[in-house]
């Protein structure tokens, strides 16, 4: 069992930045893949970014909408995964969810591959 707690969301103007954090407890975090997904009102949850465990060289994966603006990273000593979001746009407004997976490769792009989810943190971008 893994418990995940996100933080760092908020209200920002277009062009602004936020740093989302997700701290895990329970199973050994360092051996798990981790990712961020988001869900906007009236839309399906979608993949944003993922990072593999250190045993897979912490490879990163991004949705096209996130490339060049978002950066995922992890600190295994703190059992935490981060998502730095820059150059925010109103269309980035959503609830952002952290999740972990027993997968370590590009399967992390598939949200059904995640085993545990956090409660989400709201990101609202005003124009």
Foldseek 3Di string as FASTA:
>chain_A
DKAKAKDWADEEAQQAKIKMKIAMDDPQLLQKKKFKWWDDPPGDIAGAKIFFHVVLVRDMDGDPVQPPFWDWDDDSVRRMIMIIGGRDDQVVWTWMKMFIANDGDPCVRPPVRTDDIYPTDTHGYHD
